[in-house]
Amino acid sequence: MQPLNFPAYDFRFKNSENKVQIFDVIRKKFVVLQPEEWVRQHVVHHLLSDKNYPKSLINVEKQVKLNSMIKRYDVVVYNSDASIEILVECKAPEIKITQTVFDQIARYNMQLKANYLMVTNGQDHFYCKMDLQEEKYTFLKHIPDFSR
């Protein structure tokens, strides 16, 4: 897999049925290493190692119902009151971050109501602070570190 615009992290890999798998510390299992999964695992390790979010507040690849359609978010970081602090949308490195990608995460966030959004393809990262009352967002240089 190609290097991404993140620090180096220690990942666990294995080969199974001629496919490389990477260990997901949140789901506690090996998953097939696809380009988007490579980005997702870097995001998870970034949240854990660099931003100090506890594993117990991070969720990966869960379903959400949007207008009677079932969708899947990539990464969510919860607050201790079960509200959502950060919603992350991961794309494979070759996928450009476009308005369409922002529209996708905005649709998810209409339901989830996260305080912060992160959109990344592993090379380019975009961070936003949401103003849910005004239904707008402000771009940031990074997402906040975990604070109790």
Protein backbone atom coordinates (compact mmCIF):
# COMPACT_ATOMS: atom_id res chain seq x y z
CA MET A 1 0.00 0.00 0.00
CA GLN A 2 1.13 3.51 -0.72
CA PRO A 3 2.41 5.85 1.99
CA LEU A 4 -0.22 8.25 3.30
CA ASN A 5 -0.07 11.74 4.76
CA PHE A 6 -0.10 10.46 8.36
CA PRO A 7 2.67 9.54 10.80
CA ALA A 8 3.93 5.95 10.68
CA TYR A 9 1.91 3.55 12.83
CA ASP A 10 2.45 -0.06 13.84
CA PHE A 11 -0.09 -2.20 12.03
CA ARG A 12 -0.58 -5.96 12.22
CA PHE A 13 -0.97 -7.79 8.91
CA LYS A 14 -1.63 -11.35 7.87
CA ASN A 15 -2.22 -13.25 4.65
CA SER A 16 -5.38 -15.27 4.38
CA GLU A 17 -6.75 -16.91 1.24
CA ASN A 18 -4.20 -14.98 -0.85
CA LYS A 19 -5.44 -11.65 0.53
CA VAL A 20 -3.57 -9.29 2.82
CA GLN A 21 -5.52 -8.39 5.93
CA ILE A 22 -4.95 -5.65 8.49
CA PHE A 23 -5.97 -5.85 12.14
CA ASP A 24 -8.63 -3.36 13.15
CA VAL A 25 -8.10 -2.51 16.84
CA ILE A 26 -11.65 -1.18 17.15
CA ARG A 27 -13.51 -4.10 15.56
CA LYS A 28 -10.92 -6.48 17.09
CA LYS A 29 -10.53 -8.51 13.91
CA PHE A 30 -8.55 -8.73 10.70
CA VAL A 31 -10.19 -7.12 7.66
CA VAL A 32 -9.21 -7.26 3.99
CA LEU A 33 -6.73 -4.53 3.18
CA GLN A 34 -8.34 -2.40 0.47
CA PRO A 35 -7.22 1.18 -0.33
CA GLU A 36 -10.11 2.76 1.63
CA GLU A 37 -9.45 0.42 4.58
CA TRP A 38 -5.79 1.52 4.55
CA VAL A 39 -6.98 5.12 4.96
CA ARG A 40 -9.57 4.16 7.62
CA GLN A 41 -6.94 2.34 9.72
CA HIS A 42 -4.63 5.34 9.56
CA VAL A 43 -7.50 7.56 10.74
CA VAL A 44 -8.23 5.22 13.66
CA HIS A 45 -4.57 5.18 14.72
CA HIS A 46 -4.37 8.96 14.30
CA LEU A 47 -7.35 9.38 16.63
CA LEU A 48 -5.88 6.95 19.17
CA SER A 49 -2.18 7.84 19.05
CA ASP A 50 -2.08 11.50 18.05
CA LYS A 51 -5.41 12.85 19.32
CA ASN A 52 -5.65 10.59 22.42
CA TYR A 53 -9.26 9.49 21.94
CA PRO A 54 -10.03 6.29 23.89
CA LYS A 55 -10.88 3.15 21.94
CA SER A 56 -14.15 2.92 23.86
CA LEU A 57 -15.43 6.10 22.18
CA ILE A 58 -14.56 5.10 18.59
CA ASN A 59 -16.82 3.11 16.28
CA VAL A 60 -15.98 1.88 12.77
CA GLU A 61 -18.19 1.00 9.79
CA LYS A 62 -21.64 0.92 11.30
CA GLN A 63 -24.96 1.30 9.55
CA VAL A 64 -27.06 4.43 9.69
CA LYS A 65 -30.54 4.84 8.25
CA LEU A 66 -30.95 7.89 6.01
CA ASN A 67 -34.36 8.52 4.44
CA SER A 68 -35.24 4.81 4.58
CA MET A 69 -31.90 3.89 2.98
CA ILE A 70 -29.19 1.99 4.86
CA LYS A 71 -25.75 3.62 4.60
CA ARG A 72 -22.45 2.96 6.33
CA TYR A 73 -20.26 5.56 7.99
CA ASP A 74 -16.51 5.04 8.19
CA VAL A 75 -15.53 6.27 11.65
CA VAL A 76 -17.43 7.96 14.47
CA VAL A 77 -16.04 9.29 17.73
CA TYR A 78 -18.59 9.58 20.53
CA ASN A 79 -18.70 11.85 23.54
CA SER A 80 -19.25 10.27 26.95
CA ASP A 81 -22.95 11.25 26.74
CA ALA A 82 -23.29 9.18 23.50
CA SER A 83 -23.59 12.26 21.29
CA ILE A 84 -21.24 12.27 18.31
CA GLU A 85 -18.10 14.36 18.50
CA ILE A 86 -16.49 13.49 15.14
CA LEU A 87 -17.81 11.92 11.93
CA VAL A 88 -15.12 10.77 9.49
CA GLU A 89 -15.54 9.95 5.81
CA CYS A 90 -12.65 8.00 4.28
CA LYS A 91 -11.97 7.61 0.59
CA ALA A 92 -9.32 5.60 -1.21
CA PRO A 93 -6.16 7.62 -1.99
CA GLU A 94 -6.98 7.81 -5.71
CA ILE A 95 -10.40 9.39 -5.03
CA LYS A 96 -10.34 13.17 -5.14
CA ILE A 97 -12.09 15.03 -2.33
CA THR A 98 -14.85 16.91 -4.15
CA GLN A 99 -18.07 18.67 -3.30
CA THR A 100 -19.83 15.34 -3.82
CA VAL A 101 -17.84 13.85 -0.93
CA PHE A 102 -18.74 16.80 1.30
CA ASP A 103 -22.38 16.41 0.27
CA GLN A 104 -22.24 12.75 1.31
CA ILE A 105 -20.89 13.46 4.79
CA ALA A 106 -23.33 16.38 5.16
CA ARG A 107 -26.25 14.02 4.44
CA TYR A 108 -24.95 11.57 7.05
CA ASN A 109 -24.50 14.38 9.52
CA MET A 110 -28.09 15.58 9.12
CA GLN A 111 -28.97 12.36 10.94
CA LEU A 112 -25.93 11.96 13.20
CA LYS A 113 -25.36 15.60 14.28
CA ALA A 114 -21.60 15.40 14.86
CA ASN A 115 -19.75 18.42 16.24
CA TYR A 116 -16.82 17.92 13.84
CA LEU A 117 -16.39 16.40 10.39
CA MET A 118 -13.24 14.95 8.85
CA VAL A 119 -12.95 14.01 5.19
CA THR A 120 -9.78 12.31 3.97
CA ASN A 121 -8.34 10.22 1.18
CA GLY A 122 -5.16 9.67 3.17
CA GLN A 123 -3.35 12.39 1.25
CA ASP A 124 -5.64 15.37 1.74
CA HIS A 125 -7.47 15.95 5.03
CA PHE A 126 -10.30 18.41 5.61
CA TYR A 127 -11.68 19.25 9.05
CA CYS A 128 -14.84 21.20 9.85
CA LYS A 129 -16.53 22.41 13.01
CA MET A 130 -20.28 22.20 12.69
CA ASP A 131 -22.74 24.89 13.70
CA LEU A 132 -25.85 22.72 13.85
CA GLN A 133 -28.17 25.64 14.72
CA GLU A 134 -27.10 27.68 11.71
CA GLU A 135 -26.58 24.57 9.53
CA LYS A 136 -23.12 25.66 8.43
CA TYR A 137 -19.53 24.69 9.06
CA THR A 138 -16.15 26.31 9.51
CA PHE A 139 -12.97 24.75 8.14
CA LEU A 140 -10.23 24.04 10.68
CA LYS A 141 -6.55 23.12 10.45
CA HIS A 142 -7.17 19.96 12.51
CA ILE A 143 -9.70 18.30 14.77
CA PRO A 144 -9.37 18.85 18.51
CA ASP A 145 -7.49 16.51 20.79
CA PHE A 146 -9.50 14.45 23.24
CA SER A 147 -10.34 16.22 26.46
CA ARG A 148 -12.19 14.68 29.35
